[in-house]
C-alpha atoms as a PDB file:
ATOM      1  CA  MET A   1      30.769 -38.491 -61.613  1.00  0.00           C
ATOM      2  CA  SER A   2      29.989 -35.988 -58.851  1.00  0.00           C
ATOM      3  CA  ARG A   3      30.495 -33.139 -61.316  1.00  0.00           C
ATOM      4  CA  ALA A   4      27.921 -34.640 -63.713  1.00  0.00           C
ATOM      5  CA  VAL A   5      25.479 -35.069 -60.847  1.00  0.00           C
ATOM      6  CA  GLY A   6      25.961 -31.429 -59.704  1.00  0.00           C
ATOM      7  CA  THR A   7      25.579 -30.158 -63.254  1.00  0.00           C
ATOM      8  CA  ARG A   8      22.233 -31.830 -63.947  1.00  0.00           C
ATOM      9  CA  PRO A   9      20.047 -29.625 -61.577  1.00  0.00           C
ATOM     10  CA  ARG A  10      21.773 -26.522 -62.809  1.00  0.00           C
ATOM     11  CA  ARG A  11      21.023 -27.405 -66.442  1.00  0.00           C
ATOM     12  CA  ALA A  12      17.393 -28.043 -65.346  1.00  0.00           C
ATOM     13  CA  ALA A  13      17.300 -24.581 -63.834  1.00  0.00           C
ATOM     14  CA  LEU A  14      18.541 -23.104 -67.068  1.00  0.00           C
ATOM     15  CA  ALA A  15      15.807 -24.994 -68.924  1.00  0.00           C
ATOM     16  CA  VAL A  16      13.188 -23.478 -66.578  1.00  0.00           C
ATOM     17  CA  VAL A  17      14.577 -19.957 -67.130  1.00  0.00           C
ATOM     18  CA  ALA A  18      14.594 -20.517 -70.891  1.00  0.00           C
ATOM     19  CA  THR A  19      10.986 -21.658 -70.830  1.00  0.00           C
ATOM     20  CA  LEU A  20       9.968 -18.601 -68.806  1.00  0.00           C
ATOM     21  CA  VAL A  21      11.627 -16.228 -71.256  1.00  0.00           C
ATOM     22  CA  ALA A  22      10.142 -18.037 -74.260  1.00  0.00           C
ATOM     23  CA  THR A  23       6.614 -17.839 -72.917  1.00  0.00           C
ATOM     24  CA  SER A  24       6.634 -14.208 -71.730  1.00  0.00           C
ATOM     25  CA  ALA A  25       7.392 -10.932 -73.499  1.00  0.00           C
ATOM     26  CA  GLY A  26       7.495  -8.782 -70.337  1.00  0.00           C
ATOM     27  CA  CYS A  27       4.752  -7.118 -68.371  1.00  0.00           C
ATOM     28  CA  GLY A  28       4.578  -3.932 -70.387  1.00  0.00           C
ATOM     29  CA  ALA A  29       4.188  -5.842 -73.651  1.00  0.00           C
ATOM     30  CA  MET A  30       1.485  -8.051 -72.119  1.00  0.00           C
ATOM     31  CA  ILE A  31      -0.383  -4.951 -70.878  1.00  0.00           C
ATOM     32  CA  ASP A  32      -0.270  -3.399 -74.329  1.00  0.00           C
ATOM     33  CA  THR A  33      -1.491  -6.646 -75.851  1.00  0.00           C
ATOM     34  CA  ALA A  34      -4.450  -6.693 -73.429  1.00  0.00           C
ATOM     35  CA  TYR A  35      -5.211  -3.049 -74.370  1.00  0.00           C
ATOM     36  CA  LEU A  36      -5.226  -3.862 -78.104  1.00  0.00           C
ATOM     37  CA  LEU A  37      -7.502  -6.898 -77.568  1.00  0.00           C
ATOM     38  CA  GLY A  38      -9.957  -5.017 -75.357  1.00  0.00           C
ATOM     39  CA  ASP A  39     -12.329  -2.161 -76.099  1.00  0.00           C
ATOM     40  CA  GLY A  40     -10.149   0.456 -74.422  1.00  0.00           C
ATOM     41  CA  ARG A  41     -12.784   1.351 -71.859  1.00  0.00           C
ATOM     42  CA  ARG A  42     -12.730   1.436 -68.100  1.00  0.00           C
ATOM     43  CA  HIS A  43     -15.804   1.435 -65.870  1.00  0.00           C
ATOM     44  CA  GLU A  44     -16.131   2.581 -62.279  1.00  0.00           C
ATOM     45  CA  SER A  45     -18.910   3.483 -59.860  1.00  0.00           C
ATOM     46  CA  THR A  46     -18.712   6.170 -57.184  1.00  0.00           C
ATOM     47  CA  GLU A  47     -21.086   7.426 -54.533  1.00  0.00           C
ATOM     48  CA  GLU A  48     -22.081  11.075 -54.602  1.00  0.00           C
ATOM     49  CA  ARG A  49     -23.934  12.882 -51.796  1.00  0.00           C
ATOM     50  CA  ARG A  50     -25.730  16.268 -51.521  1.00  0.00           C
ATOM     51  CA  PRO A  51     -27.133  17.708 -48.286  1.00  0.00           C
ATOM     52  CA  THR A  52     -30.766  18.789 -48.092  1.00  0.00           C
ATOM     53  CA  ALA A  53     -32.251  21.532 -45.882  1.00  0.00           C
ATOM     54  CA  GLU A  54     -33.770  18.873 -43.575  1.00  0.00           C
ATOM     55  CA  GLN A  55     -32.130  17.807 -40.277  1.00  0.00           C
ATOM     56  CA  ARG A  56     -32.868  15.112 -37.763  1.00  0.00           C
ATOM     57  CA  THR A  57     -32.042  15.077 -34.045  1.00  0.00           C
ATOM     58  CA  ARG A  58     -32.049  11.769 -32.182  1.00  0.00           C
ATOM     59  CA  ILE A  59     -30.505   9.898 -29.264  1.00  0.00           C
ATOM     60  CA  GLU A  60     -27.740   7.580 -30.447  1.00  0.00           C
ATOM     61  CA  HIS A  61     -26.279   4.732 -28.394  1.00  0.00           C
ATOM     62  CA  GLN A  62     -22.600   3.633 -28.153  1.00  0.00           C
ATOM     63  CA  ALA A  63     -20.921   0.929 -26.126  1.00  0.00           C
ATOM     64  CA  THR A  64     -17.276   0.853 -25.091  1.00  0.00           C
ATOM     65  CA  VAL A  65     -15.527  -2.398 -24.134  1.00  0.00           C
ATOM     66  CA  THR A  66     -13.669  -2.674 -20.850  1.00  0.00           C
ATOM     67  CA  ALA A  67     -10.561  -4.846 -20.355  1.00  0.00           C
ATOM     68  CA  ALA A  68     -12.777  -7.522 -18.784  1.00  0.00           C
ATOM     69  CA  GLY A  69     -15.033  -7.559 -21.799  1.00  0.00           C
ATOM     70  CA  ASP A  70     -17.939  -5.667 -20.175  1.00  0.00           C
ATOM     71  CA  LEU A  71     -19.907  -3.155 -22.224  1.00  0.00           C
ATOM     72  CA  VAL A  72     -20.459   0.400 -20.902  1.00  0.00           C
ATOM     73  CA  LEU A  73     -23.469   2.074 -22.571  1.00  0.00           C
ATOM     74  CA  THR A  74     -23.373   5.757 -23.238  1.00  0.00           C
ATOM     75  CA  CYS A  75     -25.604   8.043 -25.314  1.00  0.00           C
ATOM     76  CA  GLU A  76     -25.406  11.308 -27.214  1.00  0.00           C
ATOM     77  CA  GLU A  77     -27.979  13.548 -28.712  1.00  0.00           C
ATOM     78  CA  ARG A  78     -26.797  14.124 -32.293  1.00  0.00           C
ATOM     79  CA  THR A  79     -28.145  16.367 -35.086  1.00  0.00           C
ATOM     80  CA  ARG A  80     -27.512  15.101 -38.602  1.00  0.00           C
ATOM     81  CA  THR A  81     -28.318  16.512 -41.987  1.00  0.00           C
ATOM     82  CA  VAL A  82     -30.516  14.494 -44.318  1.00  0.00           C
ATOM     83  CA  GLU A  83     -28.555  13.890 -47.522  1.00  0.00           C
ATOM     84  CA  ARG A  84     -29.442  12.670 -50.986  1.00  0.00           C
ATOM     85  CA  THR A  85     -27.077   9.952 -52.136  1.00  0.00           C
ATOM     86  CA  TRP A  86     -26.760   8.039 -55.343  1.00  0.00           C
ATOM     87  CA  GLN A  87     -24.326   5.895 -57.327  1.00  0.00           C
ATOM     88  CA  VAL A  88     -22.778   7.286 -60.511  1.00  0.00           C
ATOM     89  CA  HIS A  89     -21.582   4.767 -63.116  1.00  0.00           C
ATOM     90  CA  LYS A  90     -18.763   6.247 -65.185  1.00  0.00           C
ATOM     91  CA  THR A  91     -17.181   4.991 -68.417  1.00  0.00           C
ATOM     92  CA  PHE A  92     -13.706   6.189 -69.351  1.00  0.00           C
ATOM     93  CA  LYS A  93     -11.976   5.839 -72.783  1.00  0.00           C
ATOM     94  CA  GLN A  94      -8.312   5.036 -72.594  1.00  0.00           C
ATOM     95  CA  ARG A  95      -6.211   7.092 -75.008  1.00  0.00           C
ATOM     96  CA  GLY A  96      -3.522   4.940 -76.654  1.00  0.00           C
ATOM     97  CA  GLY A  97      -2.913   2.772 -73.641  1.00  0.00           C
ATOM     98  CA  TYR A  98      -3.303   2.499 -69.920  1.00  0.00           C
ATOM     99  CA  ASP A  99      -2.443   5.030 -67.250  1.00  0.00           C
ATOM    100  CA  ARG A 100       1.061   5.979 -66.114  1.00  0.00           C
ATOM    101  CA  GLY A 101       0.864   3.983 -62.847  1.00  0.00           C
ATOM    102  CA  THR A 102       0.091   0.769 -64.710  1.00  0.00           C
ATOM    103  CA  TYR A 103       3.163   1.061 -66.877  1.00  0.00           C
ATOM    104  CA  LEU A 104       5.387   2.017 -63.954  1.00  0.00           C
ATOM    105  CA  GLY A 105       4.165  -1.099 -62.160  1.00  0.00           C
ATOM    106  CA  ALA A 106       4.947  -3.168 -65.266  1.00  0.00           C
ATOM    107  CA  ALA A 107       8.462  -1.686 -65.395  1.00  0.00           C
ATOM    108  CA  SER A 108       9.045  -2.651 -61.733  1.00  0.00           C
ATOM    109  CA  VAL A 109       7.910  -6.216 -62.310  1.00  0.00           C
ATOM    110  CA  SER A 110      10.001  -6.627 -65.509  1.00  0.00           C
ATOM    111  CA  GLY A 111      12.999  -5.142 -63.678  1.00  0.00           C
ATOM    112  CA  LEU A 112      12.592  -7.701 -60.915  1.00  0.00           C
ATOM    113  CA  PHE A 113      12.509 -10.515 -63.486  1.00  0.00           C
ATOM    114  CA  THR A 114      15.592  -9.042 -65.176  1.00  0.00           C
ATOM    115  CA  MET A 115      17.534  -9.259 -61.925  1.00  0.00           C
ATOM    116  CA  ILE A 116      16.282 -12.728 -61.082  1.00  0.00           C
ATOM    117  CA  ILE A 117      16.909 -14.270 -64.505  1.00  0.00           C
ATOM    118  CA  GLY A 118      20.140 -12.434 -65.169  1.00  0.00           C
ATOM    119  CA  GLY A 119      21.433 -13.189 -61.650  1.00  0.00           C
ATOM    120  CA  ALA A 120      20.493 -16.867 -61.842  1.00  0.00           C
ATOM    121  CA  ALA A 121      22.146 -17.280 -65.243  1.00  0.00           C
ATOM    122  CA  LEU A 122      25.280 -15.443 -64.147  1.00  0.00           C
ATOM    123  CA  GLY A 123      25.550 -17.467 -60.963  1.00  0.00           C
ATOM    124  CA  ILE A 124      25.320 -20.752 -62.868  1.00  0.00           C
ATOM    125  CA  CYS A 125      27.860 -19.795 -65.505  1.00  0.00           C
ATOM    126  CA  LEU A 126      30.395 -18.606 -62.891  1.00  0.00           C
ATOM    127  CA  SER A 127      30.056 -21.878 -60.968  1.00  0.00           C
ATOM    128  CA  GLN A 128      30.170 -24.190 -64.035  1.00  0.00           C
ATOM    129  CA  ASP A 129      32.988 -24.058 -66.556  1.00  0.00           C
ATOM    130  CA  ASP A 130      30.890 -25.727 -69.270  1.00  0.00           C
ATOM    131  CA  VAL A 131      28.001 -23.285 -69.047  1.00  0.00           C
ATOM    132  CA  SER A 132      28.369 -20.150 -71.190  1.00  0.00           C
ATOM    133  CA  CYS A 133      27.853 -16.763 -69.544  1.00  0.00           C
ATOM    134  CA  TRP A 134      26.000 -15.726 -72.746  1.00  0.00           C
ATOM    135  CA  HIS A 135      22.923 -17.214 -71.052  1.00  0.00           C
ATOM    136  CA  VAL A 136      22.706 -13.924 -69.167  1.00  0.00           C
ATOM    137  CA  ALA A 137      21.222 -12.611 -72.431  1.00  0.00           C
ATOM    138  CA  TRP A 138      18.040 -14.491 -71.543  1.00  0.00           C
ATOM    139  CA  ALA A 139      17.193 -11.486 -69.347  1.00  0.00           C
ATOM    140  CA  THR A 140      17.329  -9.164 -72.324  1.00  0.00           C
ATOM    141  CA  PRO A 141      13.554  -9.282 -73.171  1.00  0.00           C
ATOM    142  CA  TYR A 142      12.736  -8.156 -69.623  1.00  0.00           C
ATOM    143  CA  ALA A 143      15.373  -5.432 -69.679  1.00  0.00           C
ATOM    144  CA  LEU A 144      13.978  -4.168 -72.953  1.00  0.00           C
ATOM    145  CA  ASP A 145      10.516  -4.243 -71.481  1.00  0.00           C
ATOM    146  CA  VAL A 146      11.694  -2.027 -68.616  1.00  0.00           C
ATOM    147  CA  VAL A 147      12.721   0.528 -71.207  1.00  0.00           C
ATOM    148  CA  TRP A 148       9.516   0.082 -73.205  1.00  0.00           C
ATOM    149  CA  SER A 149       7.335   0.380 -70.113  1.00  0.00           C
ATOM    150  CA  GLY A 150       9.243   3.524 -69.084  1.00  0.00           C
ATOM    151  CA  ILE A 151       8.612   5.058 -72.475  1.00  0.00           C
ATOM    152  CA  ARG A 152       4.916   4.170 -72.302  1.00  0.00           C
ATOM    153  CA  ALA A 153       4.669   5.629 -68.811  1.00  0.00           C
ATOM    154  CA  GLY A 154       6.188   8.884 -70.004  1.00  0.00           C
ATOM    155  CA  GLY A 155       3.702   9.146 -72.845  1.00  0.00           C
ATOM    156  CA  ALA A 156       0.634   7.970 -71.005  1.00  0.00           C
ATOM    157  CA  ARG A 157      -2.404  10.214 -71.138  1.00  0.00           C
ATOM    158  CA  ASP A 158      -5.310  10.371 -68.699  1.00  0.00           C
ATOM    159  CA  PRO A 159      -8.481   8.598 -69.826  1.00  0.00           C
ATOM    160  CA  VAL A 160     -11.460  10.645 -71.042  1.00  0.00           C
ATOM    161  CA  LEU A 161     -14.886  10.457 -69.417  1.00  0.00           C
ATOM    162  CA  VAL A 162     -17.274   9.433 -72.199  1.00  0.00           C
ATOM    163  CA  ALA A 163     -20.379   8.384 -70.231  1.00  0.00           C
ATOM    164  CA  ARG A 164     -21.856   9.254 -66.862  1.00  0.00           C
ATOM    165  CA  GLU A 165     -25.062   7.517 -65.694  1.00  0.00           C
ATOM    166  CA  PRO A 166     -26.456   8.491 -62.258  1.00  0.00           C
ATOM    167  CA  GLY A 167     -28.433   5.789 -60.402  1.00  0.00           C
ATOM    168  CA  PRO A 168     -31.588   6.309 -58.386  1.00  0.00           C
ATOM    169  CA  GLU A 169     -31.453   8.706 -55.458  1.00  0.00           C
ATOM    170  CA  ARG A 170     -32.243   7.839 -51.835  1.00  0.00           C
ATOM    171  CA  LEU A 171     -32.192   9.724 -48.582  1.00  0.00           C
ATOM    172  CA  GLU A 172     -29.702   8.967 -45.819  1.00  0.00           C
ATOM    173  CA  LEU A 173     -28.605  10.586 -42.614  1.00  0.00           C
ATOM    174  CA  GLY A 174     -25.266  12.385 -42.863  1.00  0.00           C
ATOM    175  CA  ARG A 175     -22.231  10.464 -41.658  1.00  0.00           C
ATOM    176  CA  THR A 176     -20.814  13.394 -39.641  1.00  0.00           C
ATOM    177  CA  PRO A 177     -23.075  14.976 -36.913  1.00  0.00           C
ATOM    178  CA  MET A 178     -23.585  18.711 -37.151  1.00  0.00           C
ATOM    179  CA  ALA A 179     -23.994  18.921 -33.338  1.00  0.00           C
ATOM    180  CA  GLN A 180     -23.774  16.472 -30.468  1.00  0.00           C
ATOM    181  CA  ALA A 181     -24.129  16.537 -26.705  1.00  0.00           C
ATOM    182  CA  PRO A 182     -24.152  13.915 -23.868  1.00  0.00           C
ATOM    183  CA  ALA A 183     -27.576  12.537 -23.151  1.00  0.00           C
ATOM    184  CA  VAL A 184     -29.301  10.153 -20.745  1.00  0.00           C
ATOM    185  CA  CYS A 185     -29.761   6.733 -22.348  1.00  0.00           C
ATOM    186  CA  PRO A 186     -33.388   5.699 -22.783  1.00  0.00           C
ATOM    187  CA  GLY A 187     -32.257   2.080 -23.221  1.00  0.00           C
ATOM    188  CA  THR A 188     -32.758  -0.011 -20.078  1.00  0.00           C
ATOM    189  CA  SER A 189     -31.360  -3.343 -21.404  1.00  0.00           C
ATOM    190  CA  LEU A 190     -29.067  -4.666 -24.113  1.00  0.00           C
ATOM    191  CA  VAL A 191     -29.987  -7.579 -26.348  1.00  0.00           C
ATOM    192  CA  VAL A 192     -28.181  -9.427 -29.150  1.00  0.00           C
ATOM    193  CA  GLY A 193     -29.963 -10.510 -32.301  1.00  0.00           C
ATOM    194  CA  PHE A 194     -32.109  -8.985 -34.967  1.00  0.00           C
ATOM    195  CA  ALA A 195     -34.756  -6.240 -34.893  1.00  0.00           C
ATOM    196  CA  THR A 196     -38.027  -5.901 -36.827  1.00  0.00           C
ATOM    197  CA  GLY A 197     -39.504  -2.681 -38.126  1.00  0.00           C
ATOM    198  CA  PRO A 198     -38.323   0.097 -40.380  1.00  0.00           C
ATOM    199  CA  SER A 199     -34.781   1.441 -40.010  1.00  0.00           C
ATOM    200  CA  ASP A 200     -33.977   5.135 -40.148  1.00  0.00           C
ATOM    201  CA  ASP A 201     -33.177   4.835 -43.895  1.00  0.00           C
ATOM    202  CA  ASP A 202     -36.485   3.009 -44.450  1.00  0.00           C
ATOM    203  CA  GLU A 203     -38.430   5.832 -42.731  1.00  0.00           C
ATOM    204  CA  LEU A 204     -36.521   8.528 -44.618  1.00  0.00           C
ATOM    205  CA  ASN A 205     -37.325   6.838 -47.963  1.00  0.00           C
ATOM    206  CA  GLY A 206     -40.908   5.894 -47.150  1.00  0.00           C
ATOM    207  CA  ARG A 207     -40.316   2.132 -46.975  1.00  0.00           C
ATOM    208  CA  GLY A 208     -41.456  -0.410 -44.393  1.00  0.00           C
ATOM    209  CA  GLY A 209     -44.227   1.628 -42.710  1.00  0.00           C
ATOM    210  CA  THR A 210     -43.815   3.521 -39.438  1.00  0.00           C
ATOM    211  CA  GLY A 211     -43.352   2.714 -35.808  1.00  0.00           C
ATOM    212  CA  PRO A 212     -40.373   1.821 -33.604  1.00  0.00           C
ATOM    213  CA  ARG A 213     -38.144  -1.156 -34.194  1.00  0.00           C
ATOM    214  CA  ARG A 214     -38.629  -4.164 -31.917  1.00  0.00           C
ATOM    215  CA  PRO A 215     -36.326  -7.015 -30.917  1.00  0.00           C
ATOM    216  CA  ALA A 216     -37.041 -10.030 -33.119  1.00  0.00           C
ATOM    217  CA  PRO A 217     -38.133 -13.295 -31.437  1.00  0.00           C
ATOM    218  CA  GLY A 218     -35.088 -15.103 -30.116  1.00  0.00           C
ATOM    219  CA  ALA A 219     -33.064 -11.980 -29.163  1.00  0.00           C
ATOM    220  CA  ALA A 220     -30.793 -12.867 -26.189  1.00  0.00           C
ATOM    221  CA  ALA A 221     -30.236 -10.395 -23.327  1.00  0.00           C
ATOM    222  CA  LEU A 222     -26.889  -9.417 -21.762  1.00  0.00           C
ATOM    223  CA  LEU A 223     -26.646  -9.459 -17.993  1.00  0.00           C
ATOM    224  CA  PRO A 224     -26.505  -6.115 -16.171  1.00  0.00           C
ATOM    225  CA  THR A 225     -23.669  -5.643 -13.626  1.00  0.00           C
ATOM    226  CA  ALA A 226     -23.594  -3.741 -10.370  1.00  0.00           C
ATOM    227  CA  ALA A 227     -22.333  -0.667 -12.149  1.00  0.00           C
ATOM    228  CA  ALA A 228     -25.040   1.474 -13.767  1.00  0.00           C
ATOM    229  CA  GLY A 229     -25.147   1.232 -17.519  1.00  0.00           C
ATOM    230  CA  THR A 230     -22.648  -1.583 -17.661  1.00  0.00           C
ATOM    231  CA  PHE A 231     -23.512  -5.029 -19.103  1.00  0.00           C
ATOM    232  CA  THR A 232     -21.600  -8.308 -19.473  1.00  0.00           C
ATOM    233  CA  LEU A 233     -21.542 -11.288 -21.798  1.00  0.00           C
ATOM    234  CA  ALA A 234     -20.158 -13.461 -19.007  1.00  0.00           C
ATOM    235  CA  GLY A 235     -22.879 -15.804 -17.771  1.00  0.00           C
ATOM    236  CA  ALA A 236     -25.011 -15.056 -20.871  1.00  0.00           C
ATOM    237  CA  PRO A 237     -24.138 -17.968 -23.214  1.00  0.00           C
ATOM    238  CA  GLU A 238     -27.139 -17.444 -25.449  1.00  0.00           C
ATOM    239  CA  ALA A 239     -26.206 -13.809 -26.131  1.00  0.00           C
ATOM    240  CA  LEU A 240     -22.536 -14.719 -26.557  1.00  0.00           C
ATOM    241  CA  ALA A 241     -23.244 -17.441 -29.131  1.00  0.00           C
ATOM    242  CA  ALA A 242     -25.864 -15.400 -30.957  1.00  0.00           C
ATOM    243  CA  TRP A 243     -23.498 -12.418 -31.438  1.00  0.00           C
ATOM    244  CA  THR A 244     -21.017 -14.589 -33.392  1.00  0.00           C
ATOM    245  CA  GLY A 245     -23.651 -15.060 -36.104  1.00  0.00           C
ATOM    246  CA  ALA A 246     -23.481 -13.019 -39.304  1.00  0.00           C
ATOM    247  CA  GLY A 247     -25.664  -9.953 -39.352  1.00  0.00           C
ATOM    248  CA  THR A 248     -26.601  -9.983 -35.664  1.00  0.00           C
ATOM    249  CA  GLY A 249     -26.482  -6.668 -33.868  1.00  0.00           C
ATOM    250  CA  LEU A 250     -26.502  -5.166 -30.439  1.00  0.00           C
ATOM    251  CA  TRP A 251     -29.635  -3.303 -29.483  1.00  0.00           C
ATOM    252  CA  ALA A 252     -30.636  -1.071 -26.550  1.00  0.00           C
ATOM    253  CA  VAL A 253     -34.264  -1.657 -25.503  1.00  0.00           C
ATOM    254  CA  ASP A 254     -36.072   1.032 -23.759  1.00  0.00           C
ATOM    255  CA  ALA A 255     -38.996   0.863 -21.268  1.00  0.00           C
ATOM    256  CA  GLU A 256     -41.563   0.866 -24.110  1.00  0.00           C
ATOM    257  CA  GLY A 257     -39.852  -2.055 -25.873  1.00  0.00           C
ATOM    258  CA  ALA A 258     -38.398  -0.082 -28.766  1.00  0.00           C
ATOM    259  CA  ALA A 259     -34.986  -1.286 -30.040  1.00  0.00           C
ATOM    260  CA  HIS A 260     -32.210   1.205 -30.782  1.00  0.00           C
ATOM    261  CA  PRO A 261     -28.987   0.224 -32.578  1.00  0.00           C
ATOM    262  CA  VAL A 262     -25.793   0.396 -30.538  1.00  0.00           C
ATOM    263  CA  GLU A 263     -22.400   1.327 -32.079  1.00  0.00           C
ATOM    264  CA  VAL A 264     -19.803  -1.119 -30.733  1.00  0.00           C
ATOM    265  CA  ASP A 265     -16.682  -2.991 -31.759  1.00  0.00           C
ATOM    266  CA  ARG A 266     -18.145  -6.511 -31.854  1.00  0.00           C
ATOM    267  CA  CYS A 267     -14.801  -8.272 -32.138  1.00  0.00           C
ATOM    268  CA  ALA A 268     -13.306  -6.369 -29.203  1.00  0.00           C
ATOM    269  CA  ALA A 269     -16.350  -7.389 -27.125  1.00  0.00           C
ATOM    270  CA  LEU A 270     -16.197 -11.053 -28.105  1.00  0.00           C
ATOM    271  CA  ARG A 271     -12.436 -11.709 -27.749  1.00  0.00           C
ATOM    272  CA  PRO A 272     -12.343 -11.674 -23.925  1.00  0.00           C
ATOM    273  CA  HIS A 273     -14.977 -14.432 -23.916  1.00  0.00           C
ATOM    274  CA  VAL A 274     -13.529 -16.646 -26.620  1.00  0.00           C
ATOM    275  CA  ALA A 275     -12.740 -19.390 -24.073  1.00  0.00           C
ATOM    276  CA  SER A 276     -16.501 -19.731 -23.459  1.00  0.00           C
ATOM    277  CA  LEU A 277     -17.252 -20.437 -27.193  1.00  0.00           C
ATOM    278  CA  THR A 278     -17.340 -23.932 -28.645  1.00  0.00           C
ATOM    279  CA  GLY A 279     -18.385 -25.598 -31.907  1.00  0.00           C
ATOM    280  CA  PRO A 280     -20.015 -23.524 -34.611  1.00  0.00           C
ATOM    281  CA  ALA A 281     -20.100 -20.371 -32.484  1.00  0.00           C
ATOM    282  CA  LEU A 282     -16.333 -20.524 -32.024  1.00  0.00           C
ATOM    283  CA  ALA A 283     -15.742 -21.175 -35.751  1.00  0.00           C
ATOM    284  CA  SER A 284     -17.996 -18.306 -36.692  1.00  0.00           C
ATOM    285  CA  MET A 285     -16.220 -15.919 -34.330  1.00  0.00           C
ATOM    286  CA  GLN A 286     -12.802 -16.926 -35.639  1.00  0.00           C
ATOM    287  CA  ARG A 287     -13.949 -16.260 -39.228  1.00  0.00           C
ATOM    288  CA  ALA A 288     -15.402 -12.855 -38.358  1.00  0.00           C
ATOM    289  CA  CYS A 289     -12.768 -11.730 -35.883  1.00  0.00           C
ATOM    290  CA  PRO A 290      -9.246 -13.003 -36.867  1.00  0.00           C
ATOM    291  CA  PRO A 291      -6.539 -12.404 -34.244  1.00  0.00           C
ATOM    292  CA  PRO A 292      -5.191  -8.803 -34.385  1.00  0.00           C
ATOM    293  CA  ALA A 293      -1.779  -8.490 -36.115  1.00  0.00           C
ATOM    294  CA  GLN A 294       1.174  -8.405 -33.747  1.00  0.00           C
ATOM    295  CA  PRO A 295       3.667  -5.520 -34.067  1.00  0.00           C
ATOM    296  CA  GLY A 296       6.548  -6.652 -36.289  1.00  0.00           C
ATOM    297  CA  ALA A 297       4.720  -9.806 -37.441  1.00  0.00           C
ATOM    298  CA  PRO A 298       4.783 -10.475 -41.188  1.00  0.00           C
ATOM    299  CA  ALA A 299       1.566  -9.684 -43.025  1.00  0.00           C
ATOM    300  CA  ASN A 300      -0.560 -12.553 -44.316  1.00  0.00           C
ATOM    301  CA  PRO A 301       0.006 -13.270 -47.978  1.00  0.00           C
END
């Protein structure tokens, strides 16, 4: 009786394995089926940039975060090249199949299934006298697919570019400064929120008019500390809660009321003050700033 009870789950496992084999022809075969059913074309978009002769020099603001969560404001005078940038939409024609990497990946997956199915069938047959070891043959389709995928990988050819369509151009400041030097910060206060007025990209491309950016209504100020150029979120609940919102930024406001964007690691600045957050602000911060991965911890699936 006990032998019959122990045999039933093993036979069920064999049935599952048989169903898996019957409904799949291996990854390489499925990839080739998808290729035959499709149009054999691959599309991608890439950004292209070209520098112009124009340069812009401006004061740029950065803030570093101390261990206590305070923000130390520093500035640099940076010169950047004005660049033309545009998106290029490319169409590639596959030649007789997909690329080599795709088939090598298919061979790896089919090889894994070969070991799982063959190992499971072998383990069951060795532990049950009434189960034939010929069930190991159920792994054959996957083993053959490993060979097939390897052949396809060896004969794969690079796709051919058949169409290239550039999108509209726009001007943008270069990502890497040509020159930079420390500078005195014109910003006298830090606020969290949004700003109105044209951005640098807007001005370069003739959009949004002219004039400096200004803090939008409702922008919340950080509190200055005793140290010059240092600000804190502690004791500034409005600014702390506002900065958890999507799209909100940190701005340095000068004596004339103009707002300048500040480069800062928002999550690093918010984490020391997480105990002061509640309700929607806490939930928003947790979504935007998940806990940093611990060394040796498994990655999230």
